[in-house]
Amino acid sequence: MILDDFITITPTGLYCVYGDFYLDPQQPVQQAVVSHAHGDHAIGGSANVYCTKPTETFMKHRYRKFAAVDFHTKAYHQSFKIKDVTISFYPAGHILGSAQVMMEYQGTKYLYTGDYKIEPDSTCEAFEFVKADVLITESTFAKPQTKHPDPAEEIKKLNATSANIMLGAYALGKSQRMIQLINQYCPTRNIMIHFSIMPFVKIYEDYGVKLGTYKMYDRKVMKNNSENQVYIVPPMVFHSYHKAINVVRAFASGWENLQQQNGISLYISDHADWDAILETIEKVQPSQVWTLHGDGRALKEYFGGKLEVKILN
């Protein structure tokens, strides 16, 4: 039997009363199950954090000794219990170490996707479809008109100019994917990395992810070479250098508002688009879909009375 109150939204985050734990809490808690290491899902300070090994490594880098009192790292498919709820992680395909969280209680399976994408990306573990009674899915881009273009074709846009490029990308996940894509599809480009991104790049490589060639940013190189340099910077740096001269600006994101006033629009997302969400629902075969992190109204309308869609946020 599906319990409507299995997961509830509280000011602290998503709470499972039957296991007395939180999913991706926004404040420090006693028991935190963390899907991945992005700052809007993983904060420091909880007493017990259950996550994958890469997520632990990223959190320890970002939060240092305040990452958690105790980490309990689990491999994909490894079952563990918190009170009476059996939990296991499955790859989410979002960033390295990202996990879907399967929770089983009284014979009913509830699958929390966290952030996810199903398209191929060799910088992280491939998304795995797993059947569940309830699919708790992110709905960041859950609109029929949203279709993410092929990332290979998008990154090739950089080849349209020989000018130097300032490329905005999130330090964790997106930057590493950009390094690999540029090496693969824009081989004439020299990639330089902002110093704040470099530790995450090294962690990826420590886990065996091959990104290709890159260098730490060198101002002299950028100044003395007016062509073929790509400087990857985090969002804060990108926006603070809004009037940077002698560079073409681009920002790697699925969000349209982040493409405005840039020289190149670069629609590369690490979230599921409309078609991917529908495919996930088809393969998970849930009896109910609960939506989070976005607008679930289009899904509710699309399925009508054929499948129950509950909007949690």
C-alpha atoms as a PDB file:
ATOM      1  CA  MET A   1       0.000   0.000   0.000  1.00  0.00           C
ATOM      2  CA  ILE A   2       1.305   3.441  -0.968  1.00  0.00           C
ATOM      3  CA  LEU A   3       1.524   5.786   2.011  1.00  0.00           C
ATOM      4  CA  ASP A   4       0.703   9.369   1.044  1.00  0.00           C
ATOM      5  CA  ASP A   5       2.786  10.690   3.923  1.00  0.00           C
ATOM      6  CA  PHE A   6       5.861   8.531   3.244  1.00  0.00           C
ATOM      7  CA  ILE A   7       7.734  11.658   2.152  1.00  0.00           C
ATOM      8  CA  THR A   8       6.675  15.098   3.362  1.00  0.00           C
ATOM      9  CA  ILE A   9       8.105  18.549   2.714  1.00  0.00           C
ATOM     10  CA  THR A  10       9.291  20.395   5.816  1.00  0.00           C
ATOM     11  CA  PRO A  11      11.285  23.630   6.266  1.00  0.00           C
ATOM     12  CA  THR A  12      14.352  21.419   6.770  1.00  0.00           C
ATOM     13  CA  GLY A  13      13.768  19.392   3.618  1.00  0.00           C
ATOM     14  CA  LEU A  14      12.195  16.127   2.476  1.00  0.00           C
ATOM     15  CA  TYR A  15      11.384  14.021   5.507  1.00  0.00           C
ATOM     16  CA  CYS A  16      10.624  10.304   5.804  1.00  0.00           C
ATOM     17  CA  VAL A  17       8.800   9.829   9.092  1.00  0.00           C
ATOM     18  CA  TYR A  18       8.932   6.024   8.826  1.00  0.00           C
ATOM     19  CA  GLY A  19      12.723   6.046   8.785  1.00  0.00           C
ATOM     20  CA  ASP A  20      13.212   9.320  10.643  1.00  0.00           C
ATOM     21  CA  PHE A  21      15.657  10.628   8.012  1.00  0.00           C
ATOM     22  CA  TYR A  22      15.841  13.474   5.532  1.00  0.00           C
ATOM     23  CA  LEU A  23      16.556  13.362   1.796  1.00  0.00           C
ATOM     24  CA  ASP A  24      18.949  16.131   0.731  1.00  0.00           C
ATOM     25  CA  PRO A  25      18.165  18.303   3.785  1.00  0.00           C
ATOM     26  CA  GLN A  26      18.723  22.044   3.640  1.00  0.00           C
ATOM     27  CA  GLN A  27      19.727  22.258   7.310  1.00  0.00           C
ATOM     28  CA  PRO A  28      21.936  19.976   9.452  1.00  0.00           C
ATOM     29  CA  VAL A  29      20.015  16.936  10.726  1.00  0.00           C
ATOM     30  CA  GLN A  30      20.670  13.727  12.626  1.00  0.00           C
ATOM     31  CA  GLN A  31      20.182  11.391   9.625  1.00  0.00           C
ATOM     32  CA  ALA A  32      20.740  12.696   6.075  1.00  0.00           C
ATOM     33  CA  VAL A  33      20.505  10.640   2.892  1.00  0.00           C
ATOM     34  CA  VAL A  34      22.263  12.690   0.221  1.00  0.00           C
ATOM     35  CA  SER A  35      21.714  12.064  -3.488  1.00  0.00           C
ATOM     36  CA  HIS A  36      24.665  14.090  -4.787  1.00  0.00           C
ATOM     37  CA  ALA A  37      27.135  16.791  -3.810  1.00  0.00           C
ATOM     38  CA  HIS A  38      25.713  19.952  -5.368  1.00  0.00           C
ATOM     39  CA  GLY A  39      25.202  22.675  -2.779  1.00  0.00           C
ATOM     40  CA  ASP A  40      21.408  22.754  -3.133  1.00  0.00           C
ATOM     41  CA  HIS A  41      21.288  19.056  -2.179  1.00  0.00           C
ATOM     42  CA  ALA A  42      24.278  18.556   0.126  1.00  0.00           C
ATOM     43  CA  ILE A  43      25.064  20.837   3.034  1.00  0.00           C
ATOM     44  CA  GLY A  44      27.571  20.391   5.829  1.00  0.00           C
ATOM     45  CA  GLY A  45      26.972  19.756   9.496  1.00  0.00           C
ATOM     46  CA  SER A  46      24.703  16.707   9.705  1.00  0.00           C
ATOM     47  CA  ALA A  47      25.465  14.001  12.261  1.00  0.00           C
ATOM     48  CA  ASN A  48      25.144  11.020   9.901  1.00  0.00           C
ATOM     49  CA  VAL A  49      25.344  11.281   6.117  1.00  0.00           C
ATOM     50  CA  TYR A  50      24.538   8.311   3.884  1.00  0.00           C
ATOM     51  CA  CYS A  51      25.849   8.729   0.338  1.00  0.00           C
ATOM     52  CA  THR A  52      28.188   7.339  -2.323  1.00  0.00           C
ATOM     53  CA  LYS A  53      31.950   7.566  -1.944  1.00  0.00           C
ATOM     54  CA  PRO A  54      32.442  10.347  -4.542  1.00  0.00           C
ATOM     55  CA  THR A  55      29.730  12.412  -2.849  1.00  0.00           C
ATOM     56  CA  GLU A  56      31.598  12.065   0.444  1.00  0.00           C
ATOM     57  CA  THR A  57      34.840  13.190  -1.222  1.00  0.00           C
ATOM     58  CA  PHE A  58      33.220  16.251  -2.796  1.00  0.00           C
ATOM     59  CA  MET A  59      31.493  17.203   0.462  1.00  0.00           C
ATOM     60  CA  LYS A  60      34.725  16.864   2.442  1.00  0.00           C
ATOM     61  CA  HIS A  61      36.488  19.153  -0.025  1.00  0.00           C
ATOM     62  CA  ARG A  62      33.720  21.748   0.050  1.00  0.00           C
ATOM     63  CA  TYR A  63      32.892  21.718   3.780  1.00  0.00           C
ATOM     64  CA  ARG A  64      36.170  20.396   5.241  1.00  0.00           C
ATOM     65  CA  LYS A  65      35.759  19.233   8.852  1.00  0.00           C
ATOM     66  CA  PHE A  66      32.155  20.489   8.900  1.00  0.00           C
ATOM     67  CA  ALA A  67      31.037  18.099   6.146  1.00  0.00           C
ATOM     68  CA  ALA A  68      29.502  15.645   8.643  1.00  0.00           C
ATOM     69  CA  VAL A  69      30.134  14.041  12.008  1.00  0.00           C
ATOM     70  CA  ASP A  70      30.049  10.596  10.391  1.00  0.00           C
ATOM     71  CA  PHE A  71      29.823   9.441   6.781  1.00  0.00           C
ATOM     72  CA  HIS A  72      28.274   6.095   5.881  1.00  0.00           C
ATOM     73  CA  THR A  73      29.275   5.496   2.270  1.00  0.00           C
ATOM     74  CA  LYS A  74      27.417   2.915   0.227  1.00  0.00           C
ATOM     75  CA  ALA A  75      28.064   1.352  -3.164  1.00  0.00           C
ATOM     76  CA  TYR A  76      25.372   1.327  -5.804  1.00  0.00           C
ATOM     77  CA  HIS A  77      22.883  -1.540  -5.229  1.00  0.00           C
ATOM     78  CA  GLN A  78      24.078  -2.050  -1.649  1.00  0.00           C
ATOM     79  CA  SER A  79      21.116  -2.266   0.744  1.00  0.00           C
ATOM     80  CA  PHE A  80      21.097  -0.738   4.224  1.00  0.00           C
ATOM     81  CA  LYS A  81      18.439   0.143   6.746  1.00  0.00           C
ATOM     82  CA  ILE A  82      17.537   3.252   8.662  1.00  0.00           C
ATOM     83  CA  LYS A  83      14.991   2.122  11.200  1.00  0.00           C
ATOM     84  CA  ASP A  84      12.424   0.080   9.233  1.00  0.00           C
ATOM     85  CA  VAL A  85      13.159   1.532   5.787  1.00  0.00           C
ATOM     86  CA  THR A  86      15.472  -0.402   3.457  1.00  0.00           C
ATOM     87  CA  ILE A  87      17.513   1.914   1.221  1.00  0.00           C
ATOM     88  CA  SER A  88      19.718   1.385  -1.820  1.00  0.00           C
ATOM     89  CA  PHE A  89      21.404   3.703  -4.305  1.00  0.00           C
ATOM     90  CA  TYR A  90      21.223   3.542  -8.111  1.00  0.00           C
ATOM     91  CA  PRO A  91      23.175   5.721 -10.568  1.00  0.00           C
ATOM     92  CA  ALA A  92      21.386   8.972 -11.460  1.00  0.00           C
ATOM     93  CA  GLY A  93      23.629  10.107 -14.339  1.00  0.00           C
ATOM     94  CA  HIS A  94      23.700  13.712 -13.079  1.00  0.00           C
ATOM     95  CA  ILE A  95      27.305  14.074 -11.881  1.00  0.00           C
ATOM     96  CA  LEU A  96      29.964  11.697 -10.576  1.00  0.00           C
ATOM     97  CA  GLY A  97      28.559   9.763  -7.603  1.00  0.00           C
ATOM     98  CA  SER A  98      24.995  11.011  -8.035  1.00  0.00           C
ATOM     99  CA  ALA A  99      22.381   8.546  -6.850  1.00  0.00           C
ATOM    100  CA  GLN A 100      18.729   7.735  -7.078  1.00  0.00           C
ATOM    101  CA  VAL A 101      17.476   6.651  -3.667  1.00  0.00           C
ATOM    102  CA  MET A 102      15.291   3.550  -3.528  1.00  0.00           C
ATOM    103  CA  MET A 103      13.345   3.281  -0.266  1.00  0.00           C
ATOM    104  CA  GLU A 104      11.326   0.152   0.543  1.00  0.00           C
ATOM    105  CA  TYR A 105       8.841   0.041   3.399  1.00  0.00           C
ATOM    106  CA  GLN A 106       6.171  -2.572   4.053  1.00  0.00           C
ATOM    107  CA  GLY A 107       6.618  -4.020   0.573  1.00  0.00           C
ATOM    108  CA  THR A 108       6.215  -0.714  -1.287  1.00  0.00           C
ATOM    109  CA  LYS A 109       9.090   0.825  -3.256  1.00  0.00           C
ATOM    110  CA  TYR A 110       9.552   4.600  -3.397  1.00  0.00           C
ATOM    111  CA  LEU A 111      12.241   5.859  -5.810  1.00  0.00           C
ATOM    112  CA  TYR A 112      13.630   9.378  -5.329  1.00  0.00           C
ATOM    113  CA  THR A 113      15.564  10.429  -8.421  1.00  0.00           C
ATOM    114  CA  GLY A 114      17.370  13.475  -7.045  1.00  0.00           C
ATOM    115  CA  ASP A 115      18.689  15.387 -10.070  1.00  0.00           C
ATOM    116  CA  TYR A 116      19.190  13.101 -13.060  1.00  0.00           C
ATOM    117  CA  LYS A 117      19.726  12.757 -16.778  1.00  0.00           C
ATOM    118  CA  ILE A 118      19.448   9.646 -18.924  1.00  0.00           C
ATOM    119  CA  GLU A 119      21.600  10.710 -21.891  1.00  0.00           C
ATOM    120  CA  PRO A 120      25.152   9.307 -22.205  1.00  0.00           C
ATOM    121  CA  ASP A 121      27.877  11.119 -20.272  1.00  0.00           C
ATOM    122  CA  SER A 122      31.153   9.291 -19.694  1.00  0.00           C
ATOM    123  CA  THR A 123      32.200  11.666 -16.891  1.00  0.00           C
ATOM    124  CA  CYS A 124      29.737   9.953 -14.530  1.00  0.00           C
ATOM    125  CA  GLU A 125      27.938   6.679 -13.943  1.00  0.00           C
ATOM    126  CA  ALA A 126      25.140   5.996 -16.442  1.00  0.00           C
ATOM    127  CA  PHE A 127      21.546   6.390 -15.279  1.00  0.00           C
ATOM    128  CA  GLU A 128      19.948   3.081 -14.339  1.00  0.00           C
ATOM    129  CA  PHE A 129      16.244   2.407 -14.777  1.00  0.00           C
ATOM    130  CA  VAL A 130      14.744   0.496 -11.853  1.00  0.00           C
ATOM    131  CA  LYS A 131      11.106  -0.352 -11.241  1.00  0.00           C
ATOM    132  CA  ALA A 132       9.244   1.209  -8.318  1.00  0.00           C
ATOM    133  CA  ASP A 133       5.703   1.719  -7.064  1.00  0.00           C
ATOM    134  CA  VAL A 134       6.188   5.465  -6.579  1.00  0.00           C
ATOM    135  CA  LEU A 135       8.532   7.599  -8.684  1.00  0.00           C
ATOM    136  CA  ILE A 136       9.543  10.806  -6.897  1.00  0.00           C
ATOM    137  CA  THR A 137      11.031  12.715  -9.826  1.00  0.00           C
ATOM    138  CA  GLU A 138      12.627  16.105 -10.255  1.00  0.00           C
ATOM    139  CA  SER A 139      10.633  18.241 -12.684  1.00  0.00           C
ATOM    140  CA  THR A 140      13.137  21.019 -13.397  1.00  0.00           C
ATOM    141  CA  PHE A 141      12.415  20.908 -17.148  1.00  0.00           C
ATOM    142  CA  ALA A 142       9.053  19.087 -17.105  1.00  0.00           C
ATOM    143  CA  LYS A 143       7.449  21.034 -19.951  1.00  0.00           C
ATOM    144  CA  PRO A 144       6.516  19.537 -23.356  1.00  0.00           C
ATOM    145  CA  GLN A 145       8.309  22.310 -25.230  1.00  0.00           C
ATOM    146  CA  THR A 146      11.616  21.608 -23.466  1.00  0.00           C
ATOM    147  CA  LYS A 147      13.913  19.340 -25.431  1.00  0.00           C
ATOM    148  CA  HIS A 148      17.644  19.450 -24.734  1.00  0.00           C
ATOM    149  CA  PRO A 149      19.747  19.400 -27.912  1.00  0.00           C
ATOM    150  CA  ASP A 150      22.549  16.933 -28.548  1.00  0.00           C
ATOM    151  CA  PRO A 151      25.500  18.072 -26.357  1.00  0.00           C
ATOM    152  CA  ALA A 152      28.003  17.072 -29.053  1.00  0.00           C
ATOM    153  CA  GLU A 153      26.339  19.395 -31.563  1.00  0.00           C
ATOM    154  CA  GLU A 154      26.101  22.159 -28.971  1.00  0.00           C
ATOM    155  CA  ILE A 155      29.785  22.061 -28.020  1.00  0.00           C
ATOM    156  CA  LYS A 156      30.721  22.181 -31.722  1.00  0.00           C
ATOM    157  CA  LYS A 157      29.324  25.733 -31.728  1.00  0.00           C
ATOM    158  CA  LEU A 158      32.645  26.752 -30.167  1.00  0.00           C
ATOM    159  CA  ASN A 159      34.291  25.838 -33.477  1.00  0.00           C
ATOM    160  CA  ALA A 160      32.352  28.595 -35.245  1.00  0.00           C
ATOM    161  CA  THR A 161      34.789  31.197 -33.937  1.00  0.00           C
ATOM    162  CA  SER A 162      38.539  31.201 -33.487  1.00  0.00           C
ATOM    163  CA  ALA A 163      38.281  33.925 -30.828  1.00  0.00           C
ATOM    164  CA  ASN A 164      39.033  33.241 -27.186  1.00  0.00           C
ATOM    165  CA  ILE A 165      36.030  32.050 -25.200  1.00  0.00           C
ATOM    166  CA  MET A 166      35.055  32.605 -21.582  1.00  0.00           C
ATOM    167  CA  LEU A 167      32.905  29.598 -20.728  1.00  0.00           C
ATOM    168  CA  GLY A 168      30.775  29.672 -17.593  1.00  0.00           C
ATOM    169  CA  ALA A 169      30.097  26.290 -15.995  1.00  0.00           C
ATOM    170  CA  TYR A 170      29.334  24.966 -12.520  1.00  0.00           C
ATOM    171  CA  ALA A 171      32.521  23.933 -10.767  1.00  0.00           C
ATOM    172  CA  LEU A 172      31.276  20.430  -9.946  1.00  0.00           C
ATOM    173  CA  GLY A 173      29.990  18.228 -12.731  1.00  0.00           C
ATOM    174  CA  LYS A 174      29.414  20.622 -15.599  1.00  0.00           C
ATOM    175  CA  SER A 175      33.016  21.875 -15.811  1.00  0.00           C
ATOM    176  CA  GLN A 176      34.398  18.342 -16.010  1.00  0.00           C
ATOM    177  CA  ARG A 177      31.882  17.439 -18.688  1.00  0.00           C
ATOM    178  CA  MET A 178      32.846  20.545 -20.658  1.00  0.00           C
ATOM    179  CA  ILE A 179      36.548  19.677 -20.497  1.00  0.00           C
ATOM    180  CA  GLN A 180      35.859  16.244 -21.918  1.00  0.00           C
ATOM    181  CA  LEU A 181      33.458  17.474 -24.620  1.00  0.00           C
ATOM    182  CA  ILE A 182      35.833  20.215 -25.766  1.00  0.00           C
ATOM    183  CA  ASN A 183      38.734  17.773 -25.950  1.00  0.00           C
ATOM    184  CA  GLN A 184      36.586  15.418 -28.005  1.00  0.00           C
ATOM    185  CA  TYR A 185      34.861  17.826 -30.386  1.00  0.00           C
ATOM    186  CA  CYS A 186      36.993  21.008 -30.373  1.00  0.00           C
ATOM    187  CA  PRO A 187      40.538  19.609 -30.589  1.00  0.00           C
ATOM    188  CA  THR A 188      42.166  22.886 -31.666  1.00  0.00           C
ATOM    189  CA  ARG A 189      41.200  24.556 -28.382  1.00  0.00           C
ATOM    190  CA  ASN A 190      43.526  25.086 -25.469  1.00  0.00           C
ATOM    191  CA  ILE A 191      41.522  24.613 -22.256  1.00  0.00           C
ATOM    192  CA  MET A 192      42.345  26.668 -19.179  1.00  0.00           C
ATOM    193  CA  ILE A 193      40.639  26.147 -15.820  1.00  0.00           C
ATOM    194  CA  HIS A 194      39.857  28.629 -13.039  1.00  0.00           C
ATOM    195  CA  PHE A 195      41.741  27.703  -9.871  1.00  0.00           C
ATOM    196  CA  SER A 196      38.537  27.091  -7.861  1.00  0.00           C
ATOM    197  CA  ILE A 197      37.435  24.375 -10.306  1.00  0.00           C
ATOM    198  CA  MET A 198      40.749  22.519 -10.317  1.00  0.00           C
ATOM    199  CA  PRO A 199      40.235  20.488  -7.075  1.00  0.00           C
ATOM    200  CA  PHE A 200      37.010  19.006  -8.456  1.00  0.00           C
ATOM    201  CA  VAL A 201      38.793  18.150 -11.713  1.00  0.00           C
ATOM    202  CA  LYS A 202      41.495  16.316  -9.754  1.00  0.00           C
ATOM    203  CA  ILE A 203      38.882  14.388  -7.751  1.00  0.00           C
ATOM    204  CA  TYR A 204      37.242  13.237 -10.992  1.00  0.00           C
ATOM    205  CA  GLU A 205      40.596  12.022 -12.260  1.00  0.00           C
ATOM    206  CA  ASP A 206      41.346  10.315  -8.923  1.00  0.00           C
ATOM    207  CA  TYR A 207      38.166   8.293  -9.502  1.00  0.00           C
ATOM    208  CA  GLY A 208      39.432   7.236 -12.923  1.00  0.00           C
ATOM    209  CA  VAL A 209      37.479   9.644 -15.136  1.00  0.00           C
ATOM    210  CA  LYS A 210      39.546  10.591 -18.201  1.00  0.00           C
ATOM    211  CA  LEU A 211      38.870  14.216 -19.126  1.00  0.00           C
ATOM    212  CA  GLY A 212      41.666  14.940 -21.585  1.00  0.00           C
ATOM    213  CA  THR A 213      44.095  17.846 -21.624  1.00  0.00           C
ATOM    214  CA  TYR A 214      43.735  21.159 -19.769  1.00  0.00           C
ATOM    215  CA  LYS A 215      45.885  23.677 -17.895  1.00  0.00           C
ATOM    216  CA  MET A 216      45.489  25.989 -14.941  1.00  0.00           C
ATOM    217  CA  TYR A 217      44.508  29.476 -16.082  1.00  0.00           C
ATOM    218  CA  ASP A 218      47.483  31.630 -17.031  1.00  0.00           C
ATOM    219  CA  ARG A 219      46.733  35.309 -17.597  1.00  0.00           C
ATOM    220  CA  LYS A 220      49.788  35.724 -19.814  1.00  0.00           C
ATOM    221  CA  VAL A 221      48.690  32.918 -22.114  1.00  0.00           C
ATOM    222  CA  MET A 222      45.235  34.452 -22.495  1.00  0.00           C
ATOM    223  CA  LYS A 223      46.693  37.929 -23.063  1.00  0.00           C
ATOM    224  CA  ASN A 224      49.345  36.858 -25.571  1.00  0.00           C
ATOM    225  CA  ASN A 225      47.111  34.513 -27.568  1.00  0.00           C
ATOM    226  CA  SER A 226      43.998  36.069 -29.100  1.00  0.00           C
ATOM    227  CA  GLU A 227      42.684  32.811 -30.550  1.00  0.00           C
ATOM    228  CA  ASN A 228      41.736  29.241 -29.604  1.00  0.00           C
ATOM    229  CA  GLN A 229      41.772  29.675 -25.811  1.00  0.00           C
ATOM    230  CA  VAL A 230      38.797  28.462 -23.736  1.00  0.00           C
ATOM    231  CA  TYR A 231      38.784  29.699 -20.163  1.00  0.00           C
ATOM    232  CA  ILE A 232      36.324  27.737 -17.988  1.00  0.00           C
ATOM    233  CA  VAL A 233      35.121  29.746 -14.991  1.00  0.00           C
ATOM    234  CA  PRO A 234      32.481  29.234 -12.266  1.00  0.00           C
ATOM    235  CA  PRO A 235      29.227  31.275 -12.442  1.00  0.00           C
ATOM    236  CA  MET A 236      30.300  33.945  -9.958  1.00  0.00           C
ATOM    237  CA  VAL A 237      33.414  34.753 -11.964  1.00  0.00           C
ATOM    238  CA  PHE A 238      31.502  34.612 -15.249  1.00  0.00           C
ATOM    239  CA  HIS A 239      28.927  37.142 -14.070  1.00  0.00           C
ATOM    240  CA  SER A 240      31.490  39.414 -12.394  1.00  0.00           C
ATOM    241  CA  TYR A 241      33.364  39.759 -15.701  1.00  0.00           C
ATOM    242  CA  HIS A 242      30.252  40.646 -17.653  1.00  0.00           C
ATOM    243  CA  LYS A 243      32.097  43.284 -19.677  1.00  0.00           C
ATOM    244  CA  ALA A 244      35.227  41.250 -20.323  1.00  0.00           C
ATOM    245  CA  ILE A 245      36.807  42.315 -23.594  1.00  0.00           C
ATOM    246  CA  ASN A 246      38.409  40.271 -26.372  1.00  0.00           C
ATOM    247  CA  VAL A 247      36.461  37.116 -25.470  1.00  0.00           C
ATOM    248  CA  VAL A 248      33.278  35.488 -26.700  1.00  0.00           C
ATOM    249  CA  ARG A 249      31.020  34.624 -23.773  1.00  0.00           C
ATOM    250  CA  ALA A 250      29.145  31.333 -23.379  1.00  0.00           C
ATOM    251  CA  PHE A 251      27.450  29.612 -20.439  1.00  0.00           C
ATOM    252  CA  ALA A 252      26.745  25.869 -20.426  1.00  0.00           C
ATOM    253  CA  SER A 253      23.199  25.430 -19.120  1.00  0.00           C
ATOM    254  CA  GLY A 254      19.728  24.282 -20.068  1.00  0.00           C
ATOM    255  CA  TRP A 255      18.275  27.537 -18.705  1.00  0.00           C
ATOM    256  CA  GLU A 256      17.360  30.042 -21.413  1.00  0.00           C
ATOM    257  CA  ASN A 257      17.878  33.065 -19.144  1.00  0.00           C
ATOM    258  CA  LEU A 258      21.558  32.123 -18.728  1.00  0.00           C
ATOM    259  CA  GLN A 259      22.041  32.297 -22.512  1.00  0.00           C
ATOM    260  CA  GLN A 260      21.014  35.926 -22.852  1.00  0.00           C
ATOM    261  CA  GLN A 261      23.619  38.522 -23.857  1.00  0.00           C
ATOM    262  CA  ASN A 262      26.171  35.807 -24.619  1.00  0.00           C
ATOM    263  CA  GLY A 263      28.042  35.472 -27.895  1.00  0.00           C
ATOM    264  CA  ILE A 264      27.262  31.750 -28.079  1.00  0.00           C
ATOM    265  CA  SER A 265      24.174  29.983 -26.718  1.00  0.00           C
ATOM    266  CA  LEU A 266      25.262  26.675 -25.217  1.00  0.00           C
ATOM    267  CA  TYR A 267      22.274  24.567 -24.177  1.00  0.00           C
ATOM    268  CA  ILE A 268      23.953  21.698 -22.341  1.00  0.00           C
ATOM    269  CA  SER A 269      21.964  20.464 -19.358  1.00  0.00           C
ATOM    270  CA  ASP A 270      22.557  17.793 -16.727  1.00  0.00           C
ATOM    271  CA  HIS A 271      18.829  17.438 -16.012  1.00  0.00           C
ATOM    272  CA  ALA A 272      16.155  15.315 -17.648  1.00  0.00           C
ATOM    273  CA  ASP A 273      14.024  17.099 -20.249  1.00  0.00           C
ATOM    274  CA  TRP A 274      10.356  16.344 -21.005  1.00  0.00           C
ATOM    275  CA  ASP A 275      11.001  13.289 -23.191  1.00  0.00           C
ATOM    276  CA  ALA A 276      13.509  11.871 -20.706  1.00  0.00           C
ATOM    277  CA  ILE A 277      11.054  12.214 -17.829  1.00  0.00           C
ATOM    278  CA  LEU A 278       8.362  10.431 -19.872  1.00  0.00           C
ATOM    279  CA  GLU A 279      10.812   7.651 -20.770  1.00  0.00           C
ATOM    280  CA  THR A 280      11.784   7.283 -17.122  1.00  0.00           C
ATOM    281  CA  ILE A 281       8.147   7.000 -16.069  1.00  0.00           C
ATOM    282  CA  GLU A 282       7.533   4.414 -18.795  1.00  0.00           C
ATOM    283  CA  LYS A 283      10.466   2.240 -17.697  1.00  0.00           C
ATOM    284  CA  VAL A 284      10.053   2.623 -13.926  1.00  0.00           C
ATOM    285  CA  GLN A 285       6.360   1.682 -14.323  1.00  0.00           C
ATOM    286  CA  PRO A 286       5.149   3.422 -11.152  1.00  0.00           C
ATOM    287  CA  SER A 287       1.579   3.429  -9.883  1.00  0.00           C
ATOM    288  CA  GLN A 288       2.063   7.038  -8.829  1.00  0.00           C
ATOM    289  CA  VAL A 289       4.428   9.883  -9.768  1.00  0.00           C
ATOM    290  CA  TRP A 290       5.319  12.557  -7.216  1.00  0.00           C
ATOM    291  CA  THR A 291       7.053  15.661  -8.556  1.00  0.00           C
ATOM    292  CA  LEU A 292       9.700  17.894  -6.955  1.00  0.00           C
ATOM    293  CA  HIS A 293      12.157  20.677  -7.850  1.00  0.00           C
ATOM    294  CA  GLY A 294      10.130  22.301 -10.568  1.00  0.00           C
ATOM    295  CA  ASP A 295       6.608  22.464 -11.958  1.00  0.00           C
ATOM    296  CA  GLY A 296       4.695  19.180 -12.140  1.00  0.00           C
ATOM    297  CA  ARG A 297       1.483  20.617 -13.577  1.00  0.00           C
ATOM    298  CA  ALA A 298       2.284  19.683 -17.183  1.00  0.00           C
ATOM    299  CA  LEU A 299       2.884  16.059 -16.179  1.00  0.00           C
ATOM    300  CA  LYS A 300      -0.368  15.993 -14.213  1.00  0.00           C
ATOM    301  CA  GLU A 301      -2.250  17.339 -17.228  1.00  0.00           C
ATOM    302  CA  TYR A 302      -0.463  15.011 -19.668  1.00  0.00           C
ATOM    303  CA  PHE A 303      -1.400  11.841 -17.789  1.00  0.00           C
ATOM    304  CA  GLY A 304      -4.885  12.997 -16.859  1.00  0.00           C
ATOM    305  CA  GLY A 305      -6.640  10.138 -15.099  1.00  0.00           C
ATOM    306  CA  LYS A 306      -4.350   7.454 -16.548  1.00  0.00           C
ATOM    307  CA  LEU A 307      -1.647   7.828 -13.881  1.00  0.00           C
ATOM    308  CA  GLU A 308      -1.823   9.610 -10.559  1.00  0.00           C
ATOM    309  CA  VAL A 309       0.582  12.551 -10.437  1.00  0.00           C
ATOM    310  CA  LYS A 310       1.029  14.305  -7.097  1.00  0.00           C
ATOM    311  CA  ILE A 311       2.849  17.631  -6.903  1.00  0.00           C
ATOM    312  CA  LEU A 312       4.877  17.781  -3.699  1.00  0.00           C
ATOM    313  CA  ASN A 313       6.315  21.265  -4.071  1.00  0.00           C
END
